[in-house]
N, C-alpha and C. Protein backbone atom coordinates (compact mmCIF):
# COMPACT_ATOMS: atom_id res chain seq x y z
N MET A 1 206.44 117.31 284.08
CA MET A 1 207.21 116.65 283.05
C MET A 1 206.31 115.76 282.21
N ARG A 2 205.38 115.02 282.86
CA ARG A 2 204.47 114.14 282.12
C ARG A 2 203.58 114.93 281.16
N VAL A 3 203.10 116.08 281.60
CA VAL A 3 202.24 116.90 280.76
C VAL A 3 203.03 117.37 279.53
N LEU A 4 204.27 117.79 279.74
CA LEU A 4 205.11 118.24 278.64
C LEU A 4 205.37 117.10 277.66
N LEU A 5 205.67 115.91 278.16
CA LEU A 5 205.92 114.75 277.32
C LEU A 5 204.66 114.38 276.53
N GLY A 6 203.51 114.40 277.18
CA GLY A 6 202.25 114.11 276.49
C GLY A 6 201.96 115.12 275.40
N THR A 7 202.24 116.38 275.68
CA THR A 7 202.03 117.43 274.69
C THR A 7 202.94 117.23 273.49
N ILE A 8 204.19 116.91 273.74
CA ILE A 8 205.16 116.69 272.66
C ILE A 8 204.72 115.50 271.81
N VAL A 9 204.32 114.42 272.44
CA VAL A 9 203.88 113.23 271.70
C VAL A 9 202.64 113.56 270.87
N GLY A 10 201.71 114.29 271.45
CA GLY A 10 200.49 114.67 270.73
C GLY A 10 200.79 115.56 269.54
N LEU A 11 201.65 116.54 269.72
CA LEU A 11 202.01 117.43 268.62
C LEU A 11 202.76 116.69 267.52
N THR A 12 203.60 115.74 267.91
CA THR A 12 204.32 114.93 266.92
C THR A 12 203.35 114.11 266.09
N ALA A 13 202.37 113.50 266.75
CA ALA A 13 201.37 112.71 266.04
C ALA A 13 200.55 113.60 265.11
N LEU A 14 200.19 114.77 265.58
CA LEU A 14 199.43 115.71 264.76
C LEU A 14 200.24 116.14 263.54
N ALA A 15 201.51 116.43 263.73
CA ALA A 15 202.37 116.84 262.62
C ALA A 15 202.52 115.70 261.61
N ALA A 16 202.68 114.48 262.09
CA ALA A 16 202.81 113.33 261.19
C ALA A 16 201.55 113.14 260.37
N THR A 17 200.39 113.32 260.99
CA THR A 17 199.12 113.19 260.28
C THR A 17 198.98 114.29 259.23
N ALA A 18 199.35 115.49 259.59
CA ALA A 18 199.24 116.62 258.66
C ALA A 18 200.17 116.43 257.46
N ILE A 19 201.34 115.88 257.70
CA ILE A 19 202.28 115.65 256.60
C ILE A 19 201.73 114.61 255.64
N ARG A 20 201.14 113.52 256.17
CA ARG A 20 200.56 112.49 255.31
C ARG A 20 199.37 113.01 254.53
N ALA A 21 198.61 113.93 255.10
CA ALA A 21 197.41 114.44 254.45
C ALA A 21 197.73 115.52 253.42
N ALA A 22 198.90 116.12 253.51
CA ALA A 22 199.26 117.20 252.58
C ALA A 22 199.50 116.64 251.19
N PRO A 23 199.04 117.33 250.16
CA PRO A 23 199.26 116.85 248.80
C PRO A 23 200.75 116.90 248.46
N VAL A 24 201.19 115.94 247.70
CA VAL A 24 202.59 115.89 247.28
C VAL A 24 202.72 116.73 246.02
N LEU A 25 203.60 117.70 246.06
CA LEU A 25 203.80 118.57 244.91
C LEU A 25 204.40 117.75 243.77
N GLY A 26 203.93 118.02 242.58
CA GLY A 26 204.47 117.33 241.41
C GLY A 26 203.72 116.06 241.07
N SER A 27 202.79 115.61 241.91
CA SER A 27 202.08 114.38 241.60
C SER A 27 200.75 114.66 240.92
N GLN A 28 200.46 115.91 240.63
CA GLN A 28 199.22 116.28 239.96
C GLN A 28 199.29 115.80 238.51
N GLU A 29 198.21 115.18 238.05
CA GLU A 29 198.18 114.78 236.65
C GLU A 29 197.11 115.58 235.92
N THR A 30 197.33 115.77 234.67
CA THR A 30 196.38 116.53 233.87
C THR A 30 195.17 115.65 233.57
N PRO A 31 194.04 116.25 233.21
CA PRO A 31 192.89 115.44 232.82
C PRO A 31 193.22 114.49 231.67
N ALA A 32 194.03 114.93 230.73
CA ALA A 32 194.41 114.06 229.60
C ALA A 32 195.20 112.85 230.08
N GLU A 33 196.10 113.05 231.04
CA GLU A 33 196.86 111.92 231.59
C GLU A 33 195.94 110.96 232.32
N ASN A 34 194.98 111.50 233.05
CA ASN A 34 194.02 110.67 233.76
C ASN A 34 193.20 109.83 232.78
N VAL A 35 192.76 110.43 231.69
CA VAL A 35 191.99 109.69 230.67
C VAL A 35 192.86 108.59 230.06
N ARG A 36 194.10 108.91 229.73
CA ARG A 36 195.02 107.93 229.14
C ARG A 36 195.25 106.75 230.08
N LYS A 37 195.45 107.03 231.37
CA LYS A 37 195.65 105.95 232.35
C LYS A 37 194.38 105.11 232.48
N SER A 38 193.24 105.76 232.47
CA SER A 38 191.98 105.04 232.57
C SER A 38 191.77 104.14 231.36
N GLN A 39 192.07 104.64 230.17
CA GLN A 39 191.93 103.83 228.96
C GLN A 39 192.88 102.64 228.97
N SER A 40 194.09 102.86 229.47
CA SER A 40 195.06 101.77 229.57
C SER A 40 194.58 100.70 230.55
N TYR A 41 194.04 101.13 231.68
CA TYR A 41 193.51 100.21 232.69
C TYR A 41 192.36 99.40 232.09
N ASP A 42 191.44 100.07 231.40
CA ASP A 42 190.31 99.39 230.79
C ASP A 42 190.78 98.38 229.74
N HIS A 43 191.76 98.76 228.94
CA HIS A 43 192.31 97.86 227.92
C HIS A 43 192.91 96.61 228.58
N LEU A 44 193.67 96.81 229.64
CA LEU A 44 194.27 95.66 230.34
C LEU A 44 193.19 94.73 230.89
N LEU A 45 192.14 95.30 231.45
CA LEU A 45 191.05 94.45 231.98
C LEU A 45 190.42 93.63 230.87
N ARG A 46 190.28 94.20 229.68
CA ARG A 46 189.63 93.50 228.58
C ARG A 46 190.53 92.49 227.90
N THR A 47 191.85 92.67 227.95
CA THR A 47 192.74 91.85 227.12
C THR A 47 193.73 91.00 227.90
N ASN A 48 193.90 91.24 229.18
CA ASN A 48 194.90 90.51 229.96
C ASN A 48 194.19 89.76 231.09
N GLY A 49 194.02 88.46 230.90
CA GLY A 49 193.31 87.65 231.88
C GLY A 49 193.95 87.66 233.26
N SER A 50 195.27 87.67 233.31
CA SER A 50 195.96 87.70 234.60
C SER A 50 195.67 89.00 235.34
N PHE A 51 195.71 90.11 234.61
CA PHE A 51 195.42 91.40 235.24
C PHE A 51 193.97 91.46 235.72
N LEU A 52 193.06 90.94 234.90
CA LEU A 52 191.65 90.92 235.27
C LEU A 52 191.44 90.11 236.56
N ARG A 53 192.03 88.91 236.61
CA ARG A 53 191.90 88.07 237.82
C ARG A 53 192.49 88.77 239.05
N TYR A 54 193.64 89.44 238.86
CA TYR A 54 194.27 90.17 239.96
C TYR A 54 193.34 91.26 240.48
N ARG A 55 192.76 92.06 239.56
CA ARG A 55 191.89 93.16 239.99
C ARG A 55 190.61 92.63 240.65
N VAL A 56 190.05 91.54 240.14
CA VAL A 56 188.86 90.97 240.76
C VAL A 56 189.19 90.52 242.18
N ARG A 57 190.33 89.83 242.34
CA ARG A 57 190.74 89.41 243.69
C ARG A 57 190.94 90.61 244.60
N LYS A 58 191.66 91.61 244.10
CA LYS A 58 191.98 92.79 244.92
C LYS A 58 190.73 93.55 245.33
N GLU A 59 189.77 93.69 244.43
CA GLU A 59 188.60 94.51 244.72
C GLU A 59 187.45 93.72 245.36
N CYS A 60 187.30 92.45 245.01
CA CYS A 60 186.12 91.71 245.46
C CYS A 60 186.40 90.75 246.62
N ASP A 61 187.60 90.20 246.72
CA ASP A 61 187.89 89.24 247.80
C ASP A 61 187.74 89.82 249.20
N PRO A 62 188.04 91.12 249.43
CA PRO A 62 187.85 91.65 250.79
C PRO A 62 186.38 91.67 251.24
N ILE A 63 185.45 91.52 250.31
CA ILE A 63 184.02 91.52 250.67
C ILE A 63 183.67 90.11 251.14
N VAL A 64 183.71 89.89 252.44
CA VAL A 64 183.50 88.54 252.97
C VAL A 64 182.19 88.39 253.71
N ASP A 65 181.60 89.46 254.16
CA ASP A 65 180.40 89.38 254.99
C ASP A 65 179.10 89.44 254.20
N ASP A 66 179.18 89.72 252.90
CA ASP A 66 177.97 89.85 252.09
C ASP A 66 178.19 89.15 250.76
N ARG A 67 177.73 87.91 250.67
CA ARG A 67 177.96 87.09 249.47
C ARG A 67 177.35 87.75 248.23
N ASP A 68 176.15 88.32 248.35
CA ASP A 68 175.50 88.97 247.20
C ASP A 68 176.32 90.15 246.70
N LEU A 69 176.81 90.96 247.62
CA LEU A 69 177.62 92.11 247.24
C LEU A 69 178.91 91.66 246.56
N ARG A 70 179.54 90.62 247.09
CA ARG A 70 180.77 90.09 246.49
C ARG A 70 180.50 89.57 245.09
N ASN A 71 179.41 88.84 244.90
CA ASN A 71 179.06 88.33 243.58
C ASN A 71 178.75 89.47 242.62
N ASP A 72 178.09 90.51 243.10
CA ASP A 72 177.83 91.69 242.27
C ASP A 72 179.13 92.35 241.84
N CYS A 73 180.08 92.41 242.75
CA CYS A 73 181.39 92.99 242.45
C CYS A 73 182.04 92.21 241.31
N ILE A 74 182.04 90.89 241.42
CA ILE A 74 182.66 90.05 240.40
C ILE A 74 181.93 90.22 239.06
N ARG A 75 180.60 90.19 239.09
CA ARG A 75 179.82 90.35 237.86
C ARG A 75 180.03 91.71 237.21
N SER A 76 180.30 92.73 238.01
CA SER A 76 180.48 94.07 237.44
C SER A 76 181.65 94.11 236.46
N PHE A 77 182.65 93.28 236.68
CA PHE A 77 183.76 93.24 235.72
C PHE A 77 183.29 92.70 234.37
N ASP A 78 182.41 91.71 234.38
CA ASP A 78 181.88 91.17 233.12
C ASP A 78 180.96 92.17 232.44
N ILE A 79 180.26 92.96 233.21
CA ILE A 79 179.31 93.92 232.63
C ILE A 79 180.04 95.14 232.06
N TYR A 80 180.93 95.73 232.85
CA TYR A 80 181.55 96.99 232.45
C TYR A 80 182.86 96.83 231.69
N GLU A 81 183.56 95.74 231.90
CA GLU A 81 184.84 95.50 231.22
C GLU A 81 184.90 94.03 230.79
N PRO A 82 184.05 93.62 229.85
CA PRO A 82 184.05 92.20 229.48
C PRO A 82 185.39 91.79 228.86
N PHE A 83 185.85 90.62 229.27
CA PHE A 83 187.13 90.10 228.79
C PHE A 83 186.98 89.66 227.35
N GLN A 84 187.93 90.06 226.52
CA GLN A 84 187.93 89.69 225.10
C GLN A 84 189.22 88.93 224.83
N ALA A 85 189.14 87.62 224.87
CA ALA A 85 190.33 86.81 224.62
C ALA A 85 190.85 87.09 223.22
N ARG A 86 192.13 87.13 223.10
CA ARG A 86 192.73 87.36 221.79
C ARG A 86 192.55 86.13 220.93
N SER A 87 192.17 86.35 219.71
CA SER A 87 192.04 85.22 218.80
C SER A 87 193.38 84.96 218.16
N LYS A 88 193.72 83.69 218.01
CA LYS A 88 194.99 83.33 217.38
C LYS A 88 194.79 83.31 215.87
N ARG A 89 195.72 83.90 215.18
CA ARG A 89 195.63 83.93 213.72
C ARG A 89 196.16 82.62 213.16
N HIS A 90 195.43 82.10 212.23
CA HIS A 90 195.86 80.86 211.57
C HIS A 90 196.41 81.23 210.20
N SER A 91 197.65 80.84 209.94
CA SER A 91 198.28 81.19 208.66
C SER A 91 198.10 80.10 207.66
């Protein structure tokens, strides 16, 4: 009985892993959609300070064991997606 139960548990875990690894039908995006999303992301990084701070925190804060690597991560945002504050128009 124990062997049968272990086999069932193992097969269930295997099936669950296979389901998670299987691609979801309908979630495929075209290259044009990918480019559009990438351009939108880049625009937000350059023009929205809150979004930029969020992405820096999300991508760089988990790097805790290597201060140089973390600082490089933060600097990469300034190099590749420099923030451009909106200028206020004076009438």
